[in-house]
């Protein structure tokens, strides 16, 4: 598990959080009442200093996030949630948790619960986000989400990091996800044409893999 970087705040944001005038915050920095780090011409203040002055300890929510692509996979979604909640009971005993789920493509960034999760992160209410597999959160751009979370002091924990998957398997799964997503937009999520196109793609990829092994 990675070490979280301390978030650095501008004096204006610190003033807002403490209910002070920005000039007061700058004066306190000069007087040594608030520890700060000089970055260029500007002093940045660790969020831990704000917490110290407020007399509070940061304790964000543990977000358990599950996702499946279609409504016919609700049993899988229930298994994800059960696994996440059981893990939290053992590994994060007593921590406040919130379970969020979506039914939709991993390529869709407008998922309702994903948007709620990101809003909570940006409101400094989240300590950790936990998923069973990385692709439950997003099919692409995981590195960007990690960077975003890091900026708000949030840990991303993946229970099954897919370390046993080959690069070929990962590419195949990503390609099928793209085909399923675009087919759903063209023909509808539950159309026979979409199902037939995805099944055809699976067969073609499976045949290509067989030929390579030969």
N, C-alpha and C. Protein backbone atom coordinates (compact mmCIF):
# COMPACT_ATOMS: atom_id res chain seq x y z
N UNK A 1 0.84 -1.20 0.00
CA UNK A 1 0.00 0.00 0.00
C UNK A 1 0.88 1.24 0.00
N UNK A 2 0.54 2.23 -0.83
CA UNK A 2 1.42 3.37 -0.99
C UNK A 2 1.32 4.33 0.18
N UNK A 3 2.34 5.18 0.32
CA UNK A 3 2.33 6.23 1.33
C UNK A 3 1.67 7.47 0.75
N UNK A 4 0.68 8.00 1.41
CA UNK A 4 -0.03 9.16 0.89
C UNK A 4 0.82 10.42 1.03
N UNK A 5 0.79 11.26 0.00
CA UNK A 5 1.48 12.53 0.05
C UNK A 5 0.61 13.55 0.76
N UNK A 6 1.23 14.41 1.57
CA UNK A 6 0.48 15.44 2.28
C UNK A 6 0.05 16.52 1.29
N UNK A 7 -1.21 16.84 1.30
CA UNK A 7 -1.73 17.85 0.38
C UNK A 7 -1.33 19.24 0.87
N UNK A 8 -0.85 20.06 -0.06
CA UNK A 8 -0.43 21.42 0.26
C UNK A 8 -1.49 22.41 -0.22
N UNK A 9 -1.85 23.37 0.63
CA UNK A 9 -2.91 24.32 0.33
C UNK A 9 -2.38 25.74 0.21
N UNK A 10 -3.04 26.53 -0.61
CA UNK A 10 -2.73 27.96 -0.70
C UNK A 10 -3.32 28.67 0.51
N UNK A 11 -2.78 29.82 0.81
CA UNK A 11 -3.23 30.55 2.01
C UNK A 11 -4.71 30.94 1.92
N UNK A 12 -5.19 31.23 0.71
CA UNK A 12 -6.60 31.59 0.55
C UNK A 12 -7.53 30.45 0.93
N UNK A 13 -7.16 29.23 0.52
CA UNK A 13 -7.98 28.06 0.85
C UNK A 13 -7.93 27.77 2.34
N UNK A 14 -6.75 27.94 2.94
CA UNK A 14 -6.59 27.74 4.39
C UNK A 14 -7.46 28.74 5.14
N UNK A 15 -7.44 29.99 4.69
CA UNK A 15 -8.24 31.03 5.33
C UNK A 15 -9.72 30.67 5.29
N UNK A 16 -10.17 30.16 4.16
CA UNK A 16 -11.58 29.78 4.01
C UNK A 16 -11.95 28.65 4.97
N UNK A 17 -11.06 27.67 5.09
CA UNK A 17 -11.34 26.52 5.95
C UNK A 17 -11.32 26.91 7.43
N UNK A 18 -10.46 27.87 7.78
CA UNK A 18 -10.34 28.27 9.18
C UNK A 18 -11.28 29.43 9.54
N UNK A 19 -11.92 30.02 8.53
CA UNK A 19 -12.79 31.15 8.79
C UNK A 19 -12.01 32.41 9.14
N UNK A 20 -10.84 32.59 8.52
CA UNK A 20 -9.98 33.73 8.79
C UNK A 20 -9.80 34.57 7.53
N UNK A 21 -9.26 35.78 7.72
CA UNK A 21 -8.90 36.60 6.56
C UNK A 21 -7.56 36.08 6.03
N UNK A 22 -7.37 36.05 4.71
CA UNK A 22 -6.10 35.59 4.14
C UNK A 22 -4.87 36.31 4.71
N UNK A 23 -5.03 37.61 5.02
CA UNK A 23 -3.91 38.37 5.60
C UNK A 23 -3.52 37.82 6.97
N UNK A 24 -4.54 37.35 7.71
CA UNK A 24 -4.27 36.76 9.02
C UNK A 24 -3.46 35.48 8.88
N UNK A 25 -3.84 34.67 7.90
CA UNK A 25 -3.11 33.42 7.66
C UNK A 25 -1.66 33.71 7.28
N UNK A 26 -1.46 34.69 6.40
CA UNK A 26 -0.09 35.03 5.99
C UNK A 26 0.72 35.55 7.18
N UNK A 27 0.08 36.31 8.06
CA UNK A 27 0.77 36.82 9.23
C UNK A 27 1.16 35.69 10.17
N UNK A 28 0.24 34.74 10.35
CA UNK A 28 0.53 33.61 11.23
C UNK A 28 1.69 32.77 10.68
N UNK A 29 1.76 32.67 9.34
CA UNK A 29 2.87 31.94 8.73
C UNK A 29 4.18 32.64 9.07
N UNK A 30 4.20 33.96 8.92
CA UNK A 30 5.41 34.73 9.22
C UNK A 30 5.79 34.63 10.70
N UNK A 31 4.77 34.58 11.57
CA UNK A 31 5.02 34.51 13.01
C UNK A 31 5.35 33.09 13.47
N UNK A 32 5.22 32.11 12.58
CA UNK A 32 5.53 30.74 12.94
C UNK A 32 4.39 29.99 13.59
N UNK A 33 3.20 30.60 13.62
CA UNK A 33 2.04 29.93 14.21
C UNK A 33 1.51 28.82 13.29
N UNK A 34 1.79 28.96 12.00
CA UNK A 34 1.39 27.95 11.02
C UNK A 34 2.63 27.53 10.25
N UNK A 35 2.91 26.25 10.23
CA UNK A 35 4.05 25.74 9.46
C UNK A 35 3.73 25.79 7.98
N UNK A 36 4.69 26.22 7.18
CA UNK A 36 4.47 26.33 5.73
C UNK A 36 5.74 25.96 4.98
N UNK A 37 5.56 25.65 3.73
CA UNK A 37 6.68 25.31 2.85
C UNK A 37 6.73 26.34 1.73
N UNK A 38 7.88 26.91 1.51
CA UNK A 38 8.03 27.93 0.47
C UNK A 38 8.16 27.26 -0.89
N UNK A 39 7.25 27.56 -1.79
CA UNK A 39 7.29 27.04 -3.16
C UNK A 39 7.33 28.24 -4.09
N UNK A 40 8.52 28.55 -4.61
CA UNK A 40 8.68 29.76 -5.40
C UNK A 40 8.51 30.99 -4.52
N UNK A 41 7.59 31.85 -4.91
CA UNK A 41 7.32 33.05 -4.12
C UNK A 41 6.16 32.88 -3.16
N UNK A 42 5.58 31.69 -3.18
CA UNK A 42 4.36 31.47 -2.39
C UNK A 42 4.58 30.42 -1.31
N UNK A 43 3.98 30.65 -0.16
CA UNK A 43 4.04 29.68 0.93
C UNK A 43 2.84 28.75 0.82
N UNK A 44 3.10 27.45 0.84
CA UNK A 44 2.03 26.46 0.83
C UNK A 44 1.95 25.81 2.20
N UNK A 45 0.72 25.53 2.62
CA UNK A 45 0.49 25.04 3.98
C UNK A 45 -0.03 23.60 3.95
N UNK A 46 0.61 22.68 4.66
CA UNK A 46 0.13 21.28 4.69
C UNK A 46 -1.28 21.23 5.29
N UNK A 47 -2.10 20.36 4.76
CA UNK A 47 -3.47 20.23 5.26
C UNK A 47 -3.47 19.76 6.71
N UNK A 48 -2.39 19.09 7.11
CA UNK A 48 -2.30 18.64 8.51
C UNK A 48 -2.24 19.83 9.47
N UNK A 49 -1.72 20.95 9.01
CA UNK A 49 -1.69 22.15 9.84
C UNK A 49 -3.11 22.69 10.06
N UNK A 50 -3.91 22.64 9.02
CA UNK A 50 -5.31 23.07 9.13
C UNK A 50 -6.04 22.18 10.12
N UNK A 51 -5.81 20.87 9.99
CA UNK A 51 -6.47 19.92 10.90
C UNK A 51 -6.03 20.14 12.34
N UNK A 52 -4.75 20.45 12.50
CA UNK A 52 -4.25 20.71 13.86
C UNK A 52 -4.93 21.92 14.46
N UNK A 53 -5.07 22.97 13.66
CA UNK A 53 -5.69 24.19 14.17
C UNK A 53 -7.18 24.01 14.40
N UNK A 54 -7.79 23.19 13.63
CA UNK A 54 -9.21 22.92 13.83
C UNK A 54 -9.44 21.92 14.96
N UNK A 55 -8.35 21.28 15.38
CA UNK A 55 -8.47 20.30 16.46
C UNK A 55 -9.21 19.06 16.04
N UNK A 56 -9.06 18.70 14.75
CA UNK A 56 -9.76 17.51 14.26
C UNK A 56 -8.79 16.60 13.53
N UNK A 57 -9.08 15.34 13.56
CA UNK A 57 -8.28 14.35 12.86
C UNK A 57 -9.03 13.91 11.62
N UNK A 58 -8.34 13.93 10.52
CA UNK A 58 -9.00 13.57 9.27
C UNK A 58 -9.39 12.09 9.27
N UNK A 59 -10.63 11.82 9.00
CA UNK A 59 -11.10 10.43 8.96
C UNK A 59 -12.17 10.33 7.88
N UNK A 60 -11.73 10.14 6.66
CA UNK A 60 -12.66 10.09 5.55
C UNK A 60 -13.39 8.77 5.47
N UNK A 61 -14.32 8.70 4.52
CA UNK A 61 -15.14 7.51 4.32
C UNK A 61 -14.41 6.49 3.45
N UNK A 62 -14.67 5.23 3.72
CA UNK A 62 -14.18 4.14 2.89
C UNK A 62 -15.24 3.84 1.84
N UNK A 63 -14.91 4.06 0.56
CA UNK A 63 -15.87 3.83 -0.52
C UNK A 63 -15.64 2.45 -1.11
N UNK A 64 -16.67 1.61 -1.12
CA UNK A 64 -16.63 0.29 -1.75
C UNK A 64 -17.39 0.41 -3.07
N UNK A 65 -16.69 0.22 -4.18
CA UNK A 65 -17.31 0.46 -5.49
C UNK A 65 -17.36 -0.81 -6.32
N UNK A 66 -18.56 -1.10 -6.82
CA UNK A 66 -18.75 -2.25 -7.70
C UNK A 66 -19.43 -1.84 -8.99
N UNK A 67 -19.14 -2.58 -10.07
CA UNK A 67 -19.76 -2.27 -11.36
C UNK A 67 -19.86 -3.52 -12.22
N UNK A 68 -20.95 -3.61 -12.98
CA UNK A 68 -21.09 -4.61 -14.05
C UNK A 68 -21.57 -3.89 -15.29
N UNK A 69 -21.43 -4.54 -16.43
CA UNK A 69 -21.77 -3.89 -17.70
C UNK A 69 -23.26 -3.89 -18.00
N UNK A 70 -23.96 -4.96 -17.62
CA UNK A 70 -25.37 -5.06 -17.98
C UNK A 70 -26.25 -5.56 -16.86
N UNK A 71 -27.57 -5.39 -17.04
CA UNK A 71 -28.53 -5.80 -16.00
C UNK A 71 -28.59 -7.31 -15.83
N UNK A 72 -28.11 -8.05 -16.84
CA UNK A 72 -28.10 -9.51 -16.72
C UNK A 72 -26.95 -10.00 -15.85
N UNK A 73 -26.15 -9.07 -15.31
CA UNK A 73 -25.00 -9.44 -14.48
C UNK A 73 -25.18 -9.02 -13.02
N UNK A 74 -26.43 -8.88 -12.61
CA UNK A 74 -26.70 -8.41 -11.25
C UNK A 74 -26.16 -9.36 -10.18
N UNK A 75 -26.16 -10.66 -10.49
CA UNK A 75 -25.61 -11.62 -9.52
C UNK A 75 -24.13 -11.37 -9.31
N UNK A 76 -23.42 -11.05 -10.38
CA UNK A 76 -22.00 -10.74 -10.27
C UNK A 76 -21.80 -9.47 -9.44
N UNK A 77 -22.68 -8.50 -9.63
CA UNK A 77 -22.60 -7.26 -8.86
C UNK A 77 -22.80 -7.54 -7.37
N UNK A 78 -23.74 -8.42 -7.06
CA UNK A 78 -23.98 -8.79 -5.66
C UNK A 78 -22.75 -9.48 -5.06
N UNK A 79 -22.08 -10.32 -5.87
CA UNK A 79 -20.87 -11.00 -5.38
C UNK A 79 -19.76 -9.98 -5.12
N UNK A 80 -19.64 -9.00 -6.01
CA UNK A 80 -18.63 -7.95 -5.80
C UNK A 80 -18.87 -7.22 -4.48
N UNK A 81 -20.10 -6.81 -4.28
CA UNK A 81 -20.46 -6.06 -3.08
C UNK A 81 -20.21 -6.89 -1.83
N UNK A 82 -20.60 -8.16 -1.89
CA UNK A 82 -20.39 -9.05 -0.74
C UNK A 82 -18.90 -9.20 -0.43
N UNK A 83 -18.08 -9.37 -1.47
CA UNK A 83 -16.64 -9.51 -1.26
C UNK A 83 -16.04 -8.24 -0.68
N UNK A 84 -16.47 -7.10 -1.19
CA UNK A 84 -15.96 -5.82 -0.70
C UNK A 84 -16.34 -5.57 0.75
N UNK A 85 -17.60 -5.85 1.09
CA UNK A 85 -18.07 -5.60 2.45
C UNK A 85 -17.43 -6.56 3.45
N UNK A 86 -17.23 -7.81 3.06
CA UNK A 86 -16.56 -8.76 3.95
C UNK A 86 -15.11 -8.34 4.17
N UNK A 87 -14.45 -7.88 3.11
CA UNK A 87 -13.07 -7.41 3.24
C UNK A 87 -12.99 -6.22 4.19
N UNK A 88 -13.93 -5.29 4.05
CA UNK A 88 -13.92 -4.10 4.89
C UNK A 88 -14.14 -4.43 6.36
N UNK A 89 -14.98 -5.42 6.63
CA UNK A 89 -15.23 -5.82 8.02
C UNK A 89 -13.97 -6.32 8.71
N UNK A 90 -13.12 -6.98 7.93
CA UNK A 90 -11.89 -7.56 8.49
C UNK A 90 -10.73 -6.57 8.45
N UNK A 91 -10.53 -5.96 7.28
CA UNK A 91 -9.35 -5.12 7.07
C UNK A 91 -9.53 -3.67 7.52
N UNK A 92 -10.76 -3.19 7.59
CA UNK A 92 -11.02 -1.80 7.98
C UNK A 92 -12.10 -1.75 9.05
N UNK A 93 -11.94 -2.57 10.06
CA UNK A 93 -12.93 -2.71 11.12
C UNK A 93 -13.27 -1.36 11.75
N UNK A 94 -14.55 -1.07 11.82
CA UNK A 94 -15.00 0.14 12.49
C UNK A 94 -14.98 1.40 11.65
N UNK A 95 -14.42 1.34 10.44
CA UNK A 95 -14.36 2.54 9.61
C UNK A 95 -15.70 2.79 8.91
N UNK A 96 -16.06 4.05 8.80
CA UNK A 96 -17.29 4.42 8.11
C UNK A 96 -17.17 4.04 6.64
N UNK A 97 -18.16 3.31 6.12
CA UNK A 97 -18.12 2.86 4.72
C UNK A 97 -19.35 3.29 3.96
N UNK A 98 -19.19 3.40 2.65
CA UNK A 98 -20.30 3.70 1.76
C UNK A 98 -20.13 2.82 0.53
N UNK A 99 -21.17 2.04 0.21
CA UNK A 99 -21.13 1.16 -0.96
C UNK A 99 -21.83 1.83 -2.14
N UNK A 100 -21.11 1.93 -3.25
CA UNK A 100 -21.65 2.53 -4.47
C UNK A 100 -21.57 1.51 -5.60
N UNK A 101 -22.61 1.43 -6.42
CA UNK A 101 -22.60 0.49 -7.54
C UNK A 101 -23.13 1.16 -8.80
N UNK A 102 -22.66 0.65 -9.92
CA UNK A 102 -23.12 1.11 -11.23
C UNK A 102 -23.40 -0.08 -12.12
N UNK A 103 -24.34 0.09 -13.04
CA UNK A 103 -24.55 -0.86 -14.12
C UNK A 103 -24.32 -0.09 -15.41
N UNK A 104 -23.21 -0.38 -16.06
CA UNK A 104 -22.86 0.36 -17.26
C UNK A 104 -21.46 0.04 -17.71
N UNK A 105 -21.11 0.52 -18.88
CA UNK A 105 -19.80 0.25 -19.46
C UNK A 105 -18.68 0.89 -18.65
N UNK A 106 -17.55 0.19 -18.60
CA UNK A 106 -16.36 0.75 -17.95
C UNK A 106 -15.77 1.89 -18.73
N UNK A 107 -16.25 2.11 -19.96
CA UNK A 107 -15.81 3.23 -20.78
C UNK A 107 -16.65 4.47 -20.54
N UNK A 108 -17.78 4.30 -19.88
CA UNK A 108 -18.70 5.42 -19.64
C UNK A 108 -18.28 6.19 -18.40
N UNK A 109 -17.81 7.42 -18.60
CA UNK A 109 -17.36 8.23 -17.47
C UNK A 109 -18.51 8.98 -16.79
N UNK A 110 -19.72 8.86 -17.33
CA UNK A 110 -20.87 9.56 -16.76
C UNK A 110 -21.71 8.68 -15.84
N UNK A 111 -21.17 7.54 -15.44
CA UNK A 111 -21.92 6.67 -14.53
C UNK A 111 -22.30 7.44 -13.26
N UNK A 112 -23.54 7.27 -12.84
CA UNK A 112 -24.08 8.05 -11.72
C UNK A 112 -23.26 7.88 -10.44
N UNK A 113 -22.99 6.65 -10.05
CA UNK A 113 -22.26 6.42 -8.79
C UNK A 113 -20.79 6.81 -8.91
N UNK A 114 -20.22 6.66 -10.10
CA UNK A 114 -18.84 7.11 -10.31
C UNK A 114 -18.75 8.61 -10.13
N UNK A 115 -19.72 9.34 -10.68
CA UNK A 115 -19.75 10.79 -10.53
C UNK A 115 -19.89 11.18 -9.06
N UNK A 116 -20.72 10.43 -8.32
CA UNK A 116 -20.89 10.70 -6.89
C UNK A 116 -19.58 10.46 -6.15
N UNK A 117 -18.90 9.37 -6.50
CA UNK A 117 -17.61 9.05 -5.87
C UNK A 117 -16.61 10.19 -6.09
N UNK A 118 -16.51 10.66 -7.34
CA UNK A 118 -15.55 11.73 -7.65
C UNK A 118 -15.90 13.03 -6.92
N UNK A 119 -17.19 13.30 -6.79
CA UNK A 119 -17.62 14.51 -6.07
C UNK A 119 -17.23 14.43 -4.60
N UNK A 120 -17.39 13.25 -4.00
CA UNK A 120 -17.01 13.06 -2.59
C UNK A 120 -15.50 13.20 -2.41
N UNK A 121 -14.74 12.67 -3.36
CA UNK A 121 -13.28 12.80 -3.31
C UNK A 121 -12.89 14.27 -3.33
N UNK A 122 -13.48 15.03 -4.25
CA UNK A 122 -13.13 16.44 -4.40
C UNK A 122 -13.62 17.29 -3.23
N UNK A 123 -14.52 16.71 -2.44
CA UNK A 123 -15.01 17.41 -1.24
C UNK A 123 -14.26 16.95 0.01
N UNK A 124 -13.15 16.21 -0.19
CA UNK A 124 -12.29 15.75 0.91
C UNK A 124 -13.04 14.86 1.91
N UNK A 125 -13.99 14.06 1.42
CA UNK A 125 -14.75 13.20 2.31
C UNK A 125 -14.34 11.73 2.22
N UNK A 126 -13.35 11.43 1.39
CA UNK A 126 -12.98 10.03 1.13
C UNK A 126 -11.55 9.76 1.58
N UNK A 127 -11.37 8.63 2.27
CA UNK A 127 -10.03 8.21 2.67
C UNK A 127 -9.48 7.14 1.74
N UNK A 128 -10.38 6.26 1.27
CA UNK A 128 -9.92 5.13 0.46
C UNK A 128 -11.05 4.66 -0.45
N UNK A 129 -10.69 4.24 -1.66
CA UNK A 129 -11.63 3.65 -2.61
C UNK A 129 -11.18 2.22 -2.85
N UNK A 130 -12.11 1.27 -2.73
CA UNK A 130 -11.76 -0.14 -2.87
C UNK A 130 -12.62 -0.78 -3.95
N UNK A 131 -11.97 -1.53 -4.86
CA UNK A 131 -12.67 -2.27 -5.91
C UNK A 131 -12.12 -3.69 -5.95
N UNK A 132 -12.88 -4.61 -6.53
CA UNK A 132 -12.40 -5.99 -6.64
C UNK A 132 -11.35 -6.09 -7.74
N UNK A 133 -11.63 -5.50 -8.90
CA UNK A 133 -10.70 -5.45 -10.02
C UNK A 133 -10.62 -4.01 -10.52
N UNK A 134 -9.47 -3.64 -11.06
CA UNK A 134 -9.27 -2.27 -11.52
C UNK A 134 -10.27 -1.87 -12.60
N UNK A 135 -10.64 -2.82 -13.48
CA UNK A 135 -11.55 -2.46 -14.58
C UNK A 135 -12.98 -2.26 -14.10
N UNK A 136 -13.29 -2.57 -12.84
CA UNK A 136 -14.61 -2.24 -12.31
C UNK A 136 -14.75 -0.72 -12.19
N UNK A 137 -13.63 -0.07 -11.93
CA UNK A 137 -13.65 1.38 -11.79
C UNK A 137 -13.60 2.06 -13.16
N UNK A 138 -12.68 1.61 -14.01
CA UNK A 138 -12.57 2.17 -15.35
C UNK A 138 -11.81 1.21 -16.24
N UNK A 139 -12.15 1.18 -17.52
CA UNK A 139 -11.46 0.34 -18.48
C UNK A 139 -10.14 0.98 -18.90
N UNK A 140 -10.15 2.31 -19.06
CA UNK A 140 -8.95 3.03 -19.45
C UNK A 140 -8.75 4.23 -18.52
N UNK A 141 -7.52 4.73 -18.46
CA UNK A 141 -7.26 5.94 -17.69
C UNK A 141 -7.14 5.74 -16.20
N UNK A 142 -6.81 4.52 -15.77
CA UNK A 142 -6.68 4.27 -14.33
C UNK A 142 -5.57 5.14 -13.73
N UNK A 143 -4.50 5.35 -14.49
CA UNK A 143 -3.39 6.15 -13.98
C UNK A 143 -3.83 7.58 -13.68
N UNK A 144 -4.78 8.10 -14.49
CA UNK A 144 -5.28 9.46 -14.25
C UNK A 144 -6.11 9.51 -12.97
N UNK A 145 -6.91 8.46 -12.75
CA UNK A 145 -7.70 8.42 -11.52
C UNK A 145 -6.80 8.30 -10.30
N UNK A 146 -5.75 7.51 -10.40
CA UNK A 146 -4.80 7.39 -9.29
C UNK A 146 -4.19 8.75 -8.97
N UNK A 147 -3.83 9.49 -10.02
CA UNK A 147 -3.24 10.81 -9.83
C UNK A 147 -4.24 11.76 -9.18
N UNK A 148 -5.49 11.71 -9.62
CA UNK A 148 -6.53 12.55 -9.03
C UNK A 148 -6.73 12.20 -7.56
N UNK A 149 -6.85 10.92 -7.26
CA UNK A 149 -7.04 10.49 -5.88
C UNK A 149 -5.87 10.92 -5.01
N UNK A 150 -4.67 10.76 -5.54
CA UNK A 150 -3.47 11.13 -4.78
C UNK A 150 -3.50 12.60 -4.39
N UNK A 151 -3.98 13.44 -5.30
CA UNK A 151 -4.04 14.87 -5.02
C UNK A 151 -4.99 15.21 -3.88
N UNK A 152 -5.94 14.32 -3.59
CA UNK A 152 -6.89 14.55 -2.49
C UNK A 152 -6.61 13.62 -1.31
N UNK A 153 -5.42 13.00 -1.30
CA UNK A 153 -5.05 12.14 -0.18
C UNK A 153 -5.84 10.86 -0.09
N UNK A 154 -6.31 10.34 -1.23
CA UNK A 154 -7.15 9.14 -1.25
C UNK A 154 -6.34 7.94 -1.74
N UNK A 155 -6.47 6.82 -1.05
CA UNK A 155 -5.83 5.57 -1.45
C UNK A 155 -6.77 4.76 -2.33
N UNK A 156 -6.25 4.20 -3.42
CA UNK A 156 -7.02 3.28 -4.25
C UNK A 156 -6.51 1.87 -3.99
N UNK A 157 -7.40 1.00 -3.53
CA UNK A 157 -7.03 -0.39 -3.23
C UNK A 157 -7.78 -1.33 -4.17
N UNK A 158 -7.01 -2.18 -4.86
CA UNK A 158 -7.58 -3.18 -5.77
C UNK A 158 -7.36 -4.54 -5.15
N UNK A 159 -8.44 -5.24 -4.82
CA UNK A 159 -8.31 -6.51 -4.11
C UNK A 159 -7.66 -7.59 -4.97
N UNK A 160 -7.96 -7.60 -6.27
CA UNK A 160 -7.37 -8.57 -7.20
C UNK A 160 -6.71 -7.81 -8.33
N UNK A 161 -5.41 -7.57 -8.25
CA UNK A 161 -4.73 -6.70 -9.22
C UNK A 161 -4.48 -7.29 -10.59
N UNK A 162 -5.00 -8.46 -10.90
CA UNK A 162 -4.86 -9.05 -12.25
C UNK A 162 -3.41 -9.30 -12.65
N UNK A 163 -2.55 -9.59 -11.67
CA UNK A 163 -1.15 -9.77 -11.99
C UNK A 163 -0.90 -11.03 -12.83
N UNK A 164 -1.85 -11.97 -12.80
CA UNK A 164 -1.65 -13.22 -13.54
C UNK A 164 -2.11 -13.12 -14.99
N UNK A 165 -2.66 -11.99 -15.41
CA UNK A 165 -3.11 -11.83 -16.79
C UNK A 165 -1.95 -11.46 -17.69
N UNK A 166 -1.94 -12.05 -18.88
CA UNK A 166 -0.92 -11.71 -19.86
C UNK A 166 -1.32 -10.41 -20.56
N UNK A 167 -0.36 -9.70 -21.17
CA UNK A 167 -0.70 -8.49 -21.93
C UNK A 167 -1.72 -8.77 -23.03
N UNK A 168 -1.62 -9.97 -23.66
CA UNK A 168 -2.57 -10.33 -24.72
C UNK A 168 -3.99 -10.43 -24.18
N UNK A 169 -4.12 -11.02 -22.97
CA UNK A 169 -5.45 -11.15 -22.38
C UNK A 169 -6.04 -9.78 -22.04
N UNK A 170 -5.21 -8.89 -21.54
CA UNK A 170 -5.68 -7.55 -21.20
C UNK A 170 -6.13 -6.79 -22.44
N UNK A 171 -5.34 -6.89 -23.53
CA UNK A 171 -5.70 -6.21 -24.77
C UNK A 171 -7.00 -6.78 -25.33
N UNK A 172 -7.15 -8.11 -25.27
CA UNK A 172 -8.37 -8.75 -25.77
C UNK A 172 -9.60 -8.27 -25.00
N UNK A 173 -9.49 -8.22 -23.68
CA UNK A 173 -10.62 -7.76 -22.87
C UNK A 173 -10.96 -6.29 -23.16
N UNK A 174 -9.92 -5.47 -23.31
CA UNK A 174 -10.16 -4.05 -23.62
C UNK A 174 -10.83 -3.89 -24.97
N UNK A 175 -10.39 -4.67 -25.96
CA UNK A 175 -10.97 -4.59 -27.30
C UNK A 175 -12.44 -5.00 -27.28
N UNK A 176 -12.75 -6.07 -26.56
CA UNK A 176 -14.15 -6.52 -26.45
C UNK A 176 -15.01 -5.47 -25.76
N UNK A 177 -14.43 -4.80 -24.76
CA UNK A 177 -15.17 -3.75 -24.05
C UNK A 177 -15.49 -2.59 -24.99
N UNK A 178 -14.54 -2.23 -25.84
CA UNK A 178 -14.76 -1.14 -26.80
C UNK A 178 -15.85 -1.53 -27.80
N UNK A 179 -15.77 -2.76 -28.33
CA UNK A 179 -16.77 -3.22 -29.29
C UNK A 179 -18.15 -3.25 -28.66
N UNK A 180 -18.25 -3.76 -27.43
CA UNK A 180 -19.54 -3.83 -26.74
C UNK A 180 -20.10 -2.44 -26.50
N UNK A 181 -19.24 -1.49 -26.15
CA UNK A 181 -19.69 -0.14 -25.87
C UNK A 181 -20.25 0.54 -27.12
N UNK A 182 -19.50 0.45 -28.22
CA UNK A 182 -19.95 1.11 -29.44
C UNK A 182 -21.15 0.39 -30.07
N UNK A 183 -21.18 -0.94 -29.94
CA UNK A 183 -22.32 -1.69 -30.46
C UNK A 183 -23.59 -1.33 -29.68
N UNK A 184 -23.42 -1.11 -28.38
CA UNK A 184 -24.57 -0.71 -27.55
C UNK A 184 -25.11 0.64 -27.98
N UNK A 185 -24.22 1.55 -28.34
CA UNK A 185 -24.67 2.88 -28.79
C UNK A 185 -25.36 2.79 -30.15
N UNK A 186 -24.86 1.92 -31.02
CA UNK A 186 -25.43 1.81 -32.36
C UNK A 186 -26.77 1.08 -32.37
N UNK A 187 -26.84 -0.03 -31.64
CA UNK A 187 -28.01 -0.90 -31.73
C UNK A 187 -28.84 -0.99 -30.45
N UNK A 188 -28.37 -0.39 -29.35
CA UNK A 188 -29.08 -0.50 -28.09
C UNK A 188 -28.41 -1.54 -27.21
N UNK A 189 -28.42 -1.28 -25.92
CA UNK A 189 -27.69 -2.13 -24.98
C UNK A 189 -28.17 -3.58 -24.96
N UNK A 190 -29.47 -3.79 -25.22
CA UNK A 190 -30.03 -5.13 -25.09
C UNK A 190 -30.46 -5.71 -26.44
N UNK A 191 -29.96 -5.13 -27.54
CA UNK A 191 -30.37 -5.59 -28.86
C UNK A 191 -29.67 -6.88 -29.25
N UNK A 192 -30.31 -7.63 -30.15
CA UNK A 192 -29.72 -8.87 -30.64
C UNK A 192 -28.50 -8.58 -31.51
N UNK A 193 -28.55 -7.46 -32.25
CA UNK A 193 -27.42 -7.10 -33.11
C UNK A 193 -26.16 -6.87 -32.28
N UNK A 194 -26.33 -6.19 -31.14
CA UNK A 194 -25.16 -5.95 -30.28
C UNK A 194 -24.60 -7.27 -29.77
N UNK A 195 -25.49 -8.14 -29.28
CA UNK A 195 -25.05 -9.43 -28.74
C UNK A 195 -24.35 -10.25 -29.81
N UNK A 196 -24.91 -10.22 -31.04
CA UNK A 196 -24.32 -11.00 -32.12
C UNK A 196 -22.94 -10.46 -32.50
N UNK A 197 -22.80 -9.13 -32.53
CA UNK A 197 -21.52 -8.52 -32.88
C UNK A 197 -20.45 -8.84 -31.85
N UNK A 198 -20.81 -8.75 -30.58
CA UNK A 198 -19.86 -9.06 -29.51
C UNK A 198 -19.45 -10.53 -29.57
N UNK A 199 -20.42 -11.41 -29.80
CA UNK A 199 -20.12 -12.84 -29.87
C UNK A 199 -19.21 -13.14 -31.06
N UNK A 200 -19.46 -12.47 -32.18
CA UNK A 200 -18.62 -12.64 -33.37
C UNK A 200 -17.19 -12.19 -33.08
N UNK A 201 -17.06 -11.07 -32.39
CA UNK A 201 -15.73 -10.56 -32.03
C UNK A 201 -15.00 -11.53 -31.13
N UNK A 202 -15.72 -12.13 -30.19
CA UNK A 202 -15.11 -13.11 -29.29
C UNK A 202 -14.56 -14.30 -30.07
N UNK A 203 -15.36 -14.77 -31.06
CA UNK A 203 -14.93 -15.92 -31.85
C UNK A 203 -13.70 -15.59 -32.69
N UNK A 204 -13.69 -14.40 -33.29
CA UNK A 204 -12.56 -13.99 -34.12
C UNK A 204 -11.29 -13.89 -33.28
N UNK A 205 -11.40 -13.29 -32.11
CA UNK A 205 -10.23 -13.14 -31.24
C UNK A 205 -9.75 -14.50 -30.72
N UNK A 206 -10.70 -15.39 -30.43
CA UNK A 206 -10.33 -16.72 -29.96
C UNK A 206 -9.61 -17.50 -31.06
N UNK A 207 -10.09 -17.37 -32.31
CA UNK A 207 -9.44 -18.05 -33.44
C UNK A 207 -8.05 -17.48 -33.68
N UNK A 208 -7.91 -16.16 -33.55
CA UNK A 208 -6.61 -15.52 -33.74
C UNK A 208 -5.61 -16.01 -32.69
N UNK A 209 -6.09 -16.16 -31.47
CA UNK A 209 -5.23 -16.65 -30.38
C UNK A 209 -4.80 -18.09 -30.63
N UNK A 210 -5.74 -18.90 -31.15
CA UNK A 210 -5.43 -20.30 -31.46
C UNK A 210 -4.37 -20.42 -32.54
N UNK A 211 -4.50 -19.59 -33.59
CA UNK A 211 -3.53 -19.61 -34.68
C UNK A 211 -2.15 -19.21 -34.21
N UNK A 212 -2.09 -18.24 -33.27
CA UNK A 212 -0.80 -17.79 -32.76
C UNK A 212 -0.12 -18.90 -31.98
N UNK A 213 -0.91 -19.65 -31.22
CA UNK A 213 -0.34 -20.75 -30.42
C UNK A 213 0.22 -21.85 -31.32
N UNK A 214 -0.43 -22.04 -32.48
CA UNK A 214 0.04 -23.05 -33.42
C UNK A 214 1.33 -22.61 -34.10
